[in-house]
C-alpha cells in the first residue's frame, strides 16, 4: 500500500564487505521450530542493507515463545581520501522514529470505537459531520461529501485524490488546506480502491467534530495511555524527535531527522517505537481495543475488493498464512508491522531511510517470519 511518502531518487549503493547482525533473545528460550524462524528471519534482515541500500535496519518479533530483536548496519563507505567513513549507528530497540501511515490504524481504531459508542455511524456522510468542506470544483465530479461515507474514507474507496501528490509529503499544511489541495486534483473512481492520505486527514477532522477533541487527544486517551505505549506520541508541530532517537536519511543520503509532522497530519504523524507497535497491533487484533463487531468491520476487505480493510490490510504468504498490518513511509523512515489475525505473533521492522531499495526483501522477510521451514531431521 502506498503510504505517506516523499519523491524518491535512486540511491548510490553503499560499499559493503559483510553486514553483521546483532541478535538478542529475550524471555523464554525458543523451541527448535522457533529457533528455525529466528535463523530464517535474521538471514533475510541484512538484505535490507546489502540489497535495500538502507544505512541500518532492525526488527522486533513477539510471539508466545518470547521476544526477539535484531539489527543490521552497513559497513563504512570508503571516502574520497581512501579512508573509511563513519559506520552508520545501529537502530536501538527503544529509539523513537516516525511511523508514517501506521498512524492510520490508530485513527481507524478511534473511529470504530466512536461507532461502537453510537456517536457516529460508518454510513454517515462526510457532509453530516463536515458540512460544505468536500465539494468538487467541477460539475459531475465524484468528490462530493454528500455522497462519500465514513466507510469509504476508512477503506480508501472515496475517490478523493491524494493531497501528497502536490506536497510530496514534506510540506506542512493544515487539514483543510490538504483537503483543498486534493479537491483541485483529478478524482479517482468512487467505489474503487485508491489509496489516498486525504481520506484519513478527513477522518481526523471527523473525530474532532464528534468529540470536541483533536484526534491526537482521543488516540492518547483511548489507545496510548491504556496500553502504556510510553514511546508513542503525536508531535503536532514539533519537528524534532523525542529522545532517544537515531538519524533519518532520505534516499539521496541527506539527513532528514527533523521534519514538520504537519506534512502528514492524521494520515501519518505518529512517532513511536518497535515495542509499542508490537504491543498495539497485538492488542488490537487480540480484541483488547475493539468490540467483536467493530473488529470484524476493520478486517472486512469487501468494500475495497480485497485490498484493504479499515486501517489494516492483509497479505497472503506463500505458505497460506495471512498476516494483517500496515506499512508507513515518510521522509527518512520506513516501517512495516505484520501480525497473525489473532495478534499472538507480531513482527515490526524498520529502516532509517525512505523505503527499502529492493521491493523483494519485505515479502521474503514476512515469509521467513511467518512461514518457517520444517526443521531437518538429524
Protein backbone atom coordinates (compact mmCIF):
# COMPACT_ATOMS: atom_id res chain seq x y z
CA UNK A 1 0.00 0.00 0.00
CA UNK A 2 1.38 3.40 -0.83
CA UNK A 3 1.59 5.37 2.44
CA UNK A 4 2.61 8.98 3.01
CA UNK A 5 5.82 9.31 1.10
CA UNK A 6 8.31 11.67 -0.45
CA UNK A 7 9.54 11.58 -4.04
CA UNK A 8 12.44 9.18 -4.27
CA UNK A 9 15.57 9.25 -6.38
CA UNK A 10 17.89 6.29 -6.86
CA UNK A 11 20.41 5.98 -4.10
CA UNK A 12 24.03 5.08 -4.77
CA UNK A 13 24.69 1.64 -3.26
CA UNK A 14 27.00 1.55 -0.27
CA UNK A 15 30.19 -0.45 -0.40
CA UNK A 16 29.94 -3.48 1.89
CA UNK A 17 32.09 -6.48 2.52
CA UNK A 18 29.89 -8.03 5.16
CA UNK A 19 26.94 -6.95 7.24
CA UNK A 20 26.97 -8.01 10.87
CA UNK A 21 23.70 -8.83 12.57
CA UNK A 22 23.34 -8.49 16.31
CA UNK A 23 20.72 -10.90 17.66
CA UNK A 24 19.22 -10.75 21.13
CA UNK A 25 16.82 -13.31 22.58
CA UNK A 26 14.58 -12.25 25.41
CA UNK A 27 12.05 -14.09 27.58
CA UNK A 28 11.92 -17.87 27.23
CA UNK A 29 14.35 -19.91 25.17
CA UNK A 30 12.99 -20.74 21.70
CA UNK A 31 11.84 -24.17 20.69
CA UNK A 32 13.51 -25.92 17.76
CA UNK A 33 10.92 -24.62 15.28
CA UNK A 34 11.12 -21.15 16.77
CA UNK A 35 14.89 -21.20 16.50
CA UNK A 36 14.46 -22.02 12.81
CA UNK A 37 12.22 -18.95 12.41
CA UNK A 38 14.87 -16.78 14.07
CA UNK A 39 17.58 -18.14 11.81
CA UNK A 40 15.47 -17.64 8.67
CA UNK A 41 14.33 -14.11 9.53
CA UNK A 42 17.74 -12.94 10.68
CA UNK A 43 19.28 -14.25 7.48
CA UNK A 44 16.92 -12.00 5.49
CA UNK A 45 17.31 -8.88 7.65
CA UNK A 46 20.79 -7.90 6.35
CA UNK A 47 19.40 -7.82 2.81
CA UNK A 48 17.59 -4.60 3.75
CA UNK A 49 21.10 -3.13 3.94
CA UNK A 50 23.02 -5.04 1.27
CA UNK A 51 20.24 -5.07 -1.36
CA UNK A 52 17.89 -2.43 0.02
CA UNK A 53 20.70 0.13 0.49
CA UNK A 54 19.42 1.27 3.89
CA UNK A 55 22.03 2.61 6.32
CA UNK A 56 20.57 0.43 9.08
CA UNK A 57 17.68 -1.93 9.75
CA UNK A 58 16.08 -3.52 12.81
CA UNK A 59 13.26 -5.88 13.67
CA UNK A 60 11.32 -6.89 16.74
CA UNK A 61 9.24 -10.08 16.83
CA UNK A 62 6.85 -11.19 19.57
CA UNK A 63 5.04 -14.50 19.87
CA UNK A 64 4.05 -16.81 22.74
CA UNK A 65 7.60 -18.18 22.95
CA UNK A 66 9.19 -14.80 23.60
CA UNK A 67 10.59 -11.62 22.09
CA UNK A 68 13.39 -11.34 19.59
CA UNK A 69 15.27 -8.22 18.47
CA UNK A 70 17.89 -7.97 15.74
CA UNK A 71 19.63 -5.20 13.83
CA UNK A 72 22.00 -4.78 10.88
CA UNK A 73 24.16 -1.90 9.73
CA UNK A 74 26.05 -1.13 6.54
CA UNK A 75 29.80 -1.32 6.52
CA UNK A 76 31.54 2.06 6.46
CA UNK A 77 31.86 3.51 2.99
CA UNK A 78 35.29 4.37 1.62
CA UNK A 79 35.63 8.14 1.26
CA UNK A 80 37.38 10.10 -1.46
CA UNK A 81 40.60 10.12 0.53
CA UNK A 82 40.61 6.35 0.60
CA UNK A 83 39.82 6.15 4.31
CA UNK A 84 36.68 4.57 5.80
CA UNK A 85 33.87 6.96 6.69
CA UNK A 86 31.87 6.65 9.88
CA UNK A 87 29.78 3.49 10.06
CA UNK A 88 26.01 4.00 10.45
CA UNK A 89 24.74 3.87 14.02
CA UNK A 90 22.64 0.83 15.00
CA UNK A 91 18.90 1.25 15.33
CA UNK A 92 18.21 0.72 19.00
CA UNK A 93 15.20 -1.11 20.37
CA UNK A 94 13.92 1.93 22.29
CA UNK A 95 14.56 4.51 19.56
CA UNK A 96 11.71 6.84 18.63
CA UNK A 97 11.04 7.15 14.90
CA UNK A 98 8.36 8.40 12.52
CA UNK A 99 5.80 5.72 11.69
CA UNK A 100 4.13 7.37 8.69
CA UNK A 101 0.96 5.63 7.60
CA UNK A 102 0.79 3.25 10.54
CA UNK A 103 -0.93 6.30 12.04
CA UNK A 104 -3.96 5.25 10.01
CA UNK A 105 -4.50 2.15 12.13
CA UNK A 106 -4.72 4.34 15.24
CA UNK A 107 -7.16 6.72 13.53
CA UNK A 108 -9.34 3.86 12.26
CA UNK A 109 -9.42 2.35 15.76
CA UNK A 110 -10.68 5.60 17.27
CA UNK A 111 -13.38 5.95 14.59
CA UNK A 112 -14.57 2.39 15.15
CA UNK A 113 -14.67 2.95 18.91
CA UNK A 114 -16.86 6.01 18.32
CA UNK A 115 -19.10 3.88 16.12
CA UNK A 116 -19.43 1.32 18.92
CA UNK A 117 -20.45 4.18 21.23
CA UNK A 118 -23.12 5.26 18.70
CA UNK A 119 -21.53 8.69 18.39
CA UNK A 120 -21.25 8.22 14.65
CA UNK A 121 -22.17 5.65 12.02
CA UNK A 122 -19.92 4.37 9.28
CA UNK A 123 -22.82 5.07 6.93
CA UNK A 124 -22.76 8.77 7.83
CA UNK A 125 -21.71 11.06 5.02
CA UNK A 126 -18.75 13.39 5.28
CA UNK A 127 -21.29 16.18 4.88
CA UNK A 128 -23.07 15.05 8.06
CA UNK A 129 -20.01 15.94 10.12
CA UNK A 130 -18.10 18.44 7.98
CA UNK A 131 -20.77 20.38 6.10
CA UNK A 132 -19.62 22.14 2.96
CA UNK A 133 -15.99 21.03 3.21
CA UNK A 134 -15.85 18.44 0.44
CA UNK A 135 -17.31 19.80 -2.76
CA UNK A 136 -15.65 19.20 -6.13
CA UNK A 137 -14.65 22.15 -8.25
CA UNK A 138 -16.37 20.95 -11.41
CA UNK A 139 -19.74 19.57 -12.38
CA UNK A 140 -20.18 15.83 -12.31
CA UNK A 141 -17.16 15.20 -10.08
CA UNK A 142 -17.34 12.32 -7.66
CA UNK A 143 -15.71 14.11 -4.73
CA UNK A 144 -18.87 15.36 -3.07
CA UNK A 145 -19.07 14.97 0.71
CA UNK A 146 -22.81 14.40 0.48
CA UNK A 147 -22.14 11.09 -1.28
CA UNK A 148 -18.94 9.98 0.49
CA UNK A 149 -19.44 7.91 3.63
CA UNK A 150 -17.08 7.43 6.55
CA UNK A 151 -16.81 3.79 5.46
CA UNK A 152 -15.49 4.97 2.10
CA UNK A 153 -12.87 7.11 3.84
CA UNK A 154 -11.76 4.23 6.06
CA UNK A 155 -11.44 1.81 3.13
CA UNK A 156 -9.92 4.24 0.60
CA UNK A 157 -12.87 3.93 -1.77
CA UNK A 158 -14.00 7.58 -1.63
CA UNK A 159 -12.44 8.58 -4.95
CA UNK A 160 -10.69 11.54 -3.35
CA UNK A 161 -7.27 12.43 -4.75
CA UNK A 162 -4.17 12.30 -2.55
CA UNK A 163 -3.01 15.74 -1.43
CA UNK A 164 0.57 14.49 -1.07
CA UNK A 165 0.74 14.37 -4.87
CA UNK A 166 1.14 18.14 -4.51
CA UNK A 167 3.11 18.43 -1.27
CA UNK A 168 5.39 15.41 -1.70
CA UNK A 169 4.72 14.56 1.93
CA UNK A 170 7.23 17.16 3.14
CA UNK A 171 5.33 20.47 3.07
CA UNK A 172 3.37 21.26 6.26
CA UNK A 173 -0.30 22.00 5.64
CA UNK A 174 -3.40 22.31 7.77
CA UNK A 175 -6.05 19.59 7.37
CA UNK A 176 -8.37 21.92 5.49
CA UNK A 177 -5.55 23.04 3.22
CA UNK A 178 -4.82 19.38 2.48
CA UNK A 179 -8.46 18.82 1.52
CA UNK A 180 -8.49 21.87 -0.76
CA UNK A 181 -5.33 20.64 -2.48
CA UNK A 182 -6.93 17.24 -3.05
CA UNK A 183 -10.12 18.73 -4.45
CA UNK A 184 -8.10 20.65 -7.05
CA UNK A 185 -6.72 17.35 -8.41
CA UNK A 186 -8.49 14.92 -10.75
CA UNK A 187 -10.50 12.47 -8.64
CA UNK A 188 -10.25 8.70 -8.70
CA UNK A 189 -13.25 6.48 -9.35
CA UNK A 190 -15.59 6.36 -6.33
CA UNK A 191 -16.16 2.82 -5.09
CA UNK A 192 -12.80 1.56 -6.29
CA UNK A 193 -9.80 1.18 -4.05
CA UNK A 194 -7.46 4.16 -4.38
CA UNK A 195 -5.06 4.82 -1.52
CA UNK A 196 -5.32 8.48 -0.57
CA UNK A 197 -3.96 10.19 2.52
CA UNK A 198 -6.76 12.74 2.18
CA UNK A 199 -9.23 10.14 3.48
CA UNK A 200 -7.56 9.91 6.87
CA UNK A 201 -6.99 13.66 7.15
CA UNK A 202 -10.78 13.96 6.86
CA UNK A 203 -11.29 11.24 9.48
CA UNK A 204 -9.08 13.24 11.84
CA UNK A 205 -11.41 16.21 11.34
CA UNK A 206 -14.46 13.99 11.91
CA UNK A 207 -13.02 12.76 15.23
CA UNK A 208 -12.51 16.37 16.29
CA UNK A 209 -16.03 17.36 15.29
CA UNK A 210 -17.65 14.41 17.06
CA UNK A 211 -15.65 14.51 20.30
CA UNK A 212 -14.61 18.13 20.62
CA UNK A 213 -11.01 16.93 20.97
CA UNK A 214 -8.19 16.50 18.48
CA UNK A 215 -7.55 13.06 17.01
CA UNK A 216 -4.28 13.05 18.92
CA UNK A 217 -6.03 13.62 22.26
CA UNK A 218 -8.56 10.89 21.55
CA UNK A 219 -5.89 8.40 20.46
CA UNK A 220 -3.84 9.16 23.56
CA UNK A 221 -6.86 8.70 25.84
CA UNK A 222 -8.25 5.60 24.16
CA UNK A 223 -5.11 3.75 22.99
CA UNK A 224 -1.75 5.15 24.05
CA UNK A 225 -2.44 5.59 27.77
CA UNK A 226 -4.40 2.35 28.37
CA UNK A 227 -1.76 0.26 26.55
CA UNK A 228 1.11 2.16 28.19
CA UNK A 229 2.71 2.99 24.88
CA UNK A 230 5.27 5.21 26.56
CA UNK A 231 7.33 5.81 23.42
CA UNK A 232 4.36 6.79 21.23
CA UNK A 233 3.16 10.32 20.62
CA UNK A 234 1.53 12.71 18.19
CA UNK A 235 4.10 15.51 17.93
CA UNK A 236 1.85 18.17 16.41
CA UNK A 237 4.13 20.90 15.05
CA UNK A 238 7.28 19.69 16.80
CA UNK A 239 9.87 18.94 14.13
CA UNK A 240 12.44 17.21 16.37
CA UNK A 241 12.14 13.63 17.60
CA UNK A 242 11.96 12.89 21.33
CA UNK A 243 14.93 11.12 22.87
CA UNK A 244 16.22 8.52 22.39
CA UNK A 245 16.36 8.50 18.62
CA UNK A 246 18.78 7.88 15.79
CA UNK A 247 19.19 9.68 12.49
CA UNK A 248 16.92 9.51 9.45
CA UNK A 249 18.13 9.79 5.86
CA UNK A 250 16.45 10.48 2.54
CA UNK A 251 17.09 8.32 -0.49
CA UNK A 252 19.96 10.57 -1.57
CA UNK A 253 21.63 10.30 1.85
CA UNK A 254 20.55 13.71 3.20
CA UNK A 255 19.80 13.91 6.92
CA UNK A 256 16.05 14.47 7.32
CA UNK A 257 15.72 13.64 11.01
CA UNK A 258 13.91 16.91 11.68
CA UNK A 259 10.56 17.11 9.91
CA UNK A 260 7.39 19.12 10.49
CA UNK A 261 4.77 16.40 11.17
CA UNK A 262 2.01 18.63 9.79
CA UNK A 263 3.15 17.39 6.39
CA UNK A 264 1.24 14.18 7.19
CA UNK A 265 -1.25 15.00 9.95
CA UNK A 266 -3.82 12.31 10.76
CA UNK A 267 -2.55 10.30 7.78
CA UNK A 268 1.00 9.87 9.08
CA UNK A 269 2.02 12.00 12.06
CA UNK A 270 2.77 9.28 14.62
CA UNK A 271 6.12 8.88 16.40
CA UNK A 272 6.62 5.52 18.11
CA UNK A 273 8.95 2.60 18.91
CA UNK A 274 9.24 -1.03 17.82
CA UNK A 275 7.94 -2.43 21.15
CA UNK A 276 4.99 -0.02 21.18
CA UNK A 277 3.90 -1.00 17.67
CA UNK A 278 4.04 -4.70 18.50
CA UNK A 279 2.04 -4.10 21.66
CA UNK A 280 -0.57 -2.01 19.83
CA UNK A 281 -1.16 -4.39 16.92
CA UNK A 282 -1.17 -7.39 19.25
CA UNK A 283 -3.78 -5.76 21.49
CA UNK A 284 -5.86 -4.57 18.54
CA UNK A 285 -6.06 -7.92 16.78
CA UNK A 286 -6.40 -9.69 20.11
CA UNK A 287 -9.66 -7.85 20.77
CA UNK A 288 -8.48 -5.52 23.53
CA UNK A 289 -9.38 -2.25 21.77
CA UNK A 290 -12.47 -3.00 19.71
CA UNK A 291 -15.67 -4.92 20.29
CA UNK A 292 -16.08 -8.05 18.13
CA UNK A 293 -18.43 -6.36 15.66
CA UNK A 294 -16.08 -3.43 15.08
CA UNK A 295 -13.04 -5.69 14.77
CA UNK A 296 -14.87 -7.70 12.12
CA UNK A 297 -15.62 -4.44 10.30
CA UNK A 298 -11.95 -3.48 10.44
CA UNK A 299 -10.91 -6.81 8.90
CA UNK A 300 -13.62 -6.84 6.24
CA UNK A 301 -11.98 -6.12 2.87
CA UNK A 302 -15.15 -6.47 0.81
CA UNK A 303 -15.66 -2.74 0.23
CA UNK A 304 -12.11 -2.38 -1.13
CA UNK A 305 -12.38 -5.61 -3.15
CA UNK A 306 -9.89 -7.49 -1.00
CA UNK A 307 -7.18 -4.81 -0.98
CA UNK A 308 -7.81 -3.06 2.35
CA UNK A 309 -9.88 -3.26 5.49
CA UNK A 310 -10.06 -0.20 7.75
CA UNK A 311 -6.59 0.97 8.71
CA UNK A 312 -5.28 -2.55 8.08
CA UNK A 313 -4.59 -4.65 5.02
CA UNK A 314 -3.99 -8.38 4.55
CA UNK A 315 -1.10 -10.14 2.84
CA UNK A 316 -1.37 -13.81 1.98
CA UNK A 317 2.01 -15.51 2.24
CA UNK A 318 3.24 -18.43 0.11
CA UNK A 319 2.55 -20.90 2.92
CA UNK A 320 -1.12 -19.87 3.03
CA UNK A 321 -0.89 -17.77 6.21
CA UNK A 322 -2.50 -14.34 6.01
CA UNK A 323 -0.94 -11.55 8.05
CA UNK A 324 -2.55 -8.21 8.88
CA UNK A 325 -0.95 -4.85 9.47
CA UNK A 326 0.23 -1.73 7.71
CA UNK A 327 3.33 -0.03 6.43
CA UNK A 328 4.45 3.55 6.84
CA UNK A 329 6.71 5.64 4.66
CA UNK A 330 7.69 9.20 5.41
CA UNK A 331 10.87 11.16 4.77
CA UNK A 332 13.75 9.21 6.32
CA UNK A 333 11.69 6.36 7.76
CA UNK A 334 10.04 3.16 6.55
CA UNK A 335 8.33 0.74 8.92
CA UNK A 336 6.19 -2.35 8.45
CA UNK A 337 4.13 -4.23 11.03
CA UNK A 338 2.51 -7.59 10.28
CA UNK A 339 0.69 -9.95 12.60
CA UNK A 340 -1.38 -13.09 12.63
CA UNK A 341 -5.11 -12.42 12.78
CA UNK A 342 -5.25 -13.29 16.48
CA UNK A 343 -2.44 -10.86 17.33
CA UNK A 344 -0.35 -13.54 19.03
CA UNK A 345 2.56 -13.30 16.59
CA UNK A 346 3.69 -9.80 15.59
CA UNK A 347 6.69 -8.58 13.61
CA UNK A 348 7.77 -4.99 13.08
CA UNK A 349 10.80 -4.00 11.08
CA UNK A 350 12.16 -0.59 10.13
CA UNK A 351 14.90 1.10 8.13
CA UNK A 352 16.15 4.65 8.58
CA UNK A 353 15.58 5.76 5.01
CA UNK A 354 12.54 6.43 2.82
CA UNK A 355 11.99 2.79 1.80
CA UNK A 356 13.88 -0.44 1.09
CA UNK A 357 15.56 -0.19 -2.30
CA UNK A 358 14.69 -3.79 -3.18
CA UNK A 359 10.93 -4.49 -3.13
CA UNK A 360 11.52 -8.24 -2.87
CA UNK A 361 13.11 -8.08 0.59
CA UNK A 362 9.93 -7.34 2.54
CA UNK A 363 7.94 -10.34 1.20
CA UNK A 364 10.95 -12.54 1.91
CA UNK A 365 11.18 -11.23 5.46
CA UNK A 366 7.49 -11.82 6.16
CA UNK A 367 7.64 -15.32 4.69
CA UNK A 368 10.73 -16.15 6.76
CA UNK A 369 9.00 -15.00 9.95
CA UNK A 370 5.53 -16.43 9.46
CA UNK A 371 6.28 -19.43 7.19
CA UNK A 372 9.13 -21.27 8.96
CA UNK A 373 10.68 -24.20 7.19
CA UNK A 374 10.22 -27.63 8.72
CA UNK A 375 13.39 -28.41 10.65
CA UNK A 376 15.52 -31.07 9.07
CA UNK A 377 15.87 -34.35 10.94
CA UNK A 378 19.36 -35.15 12.18
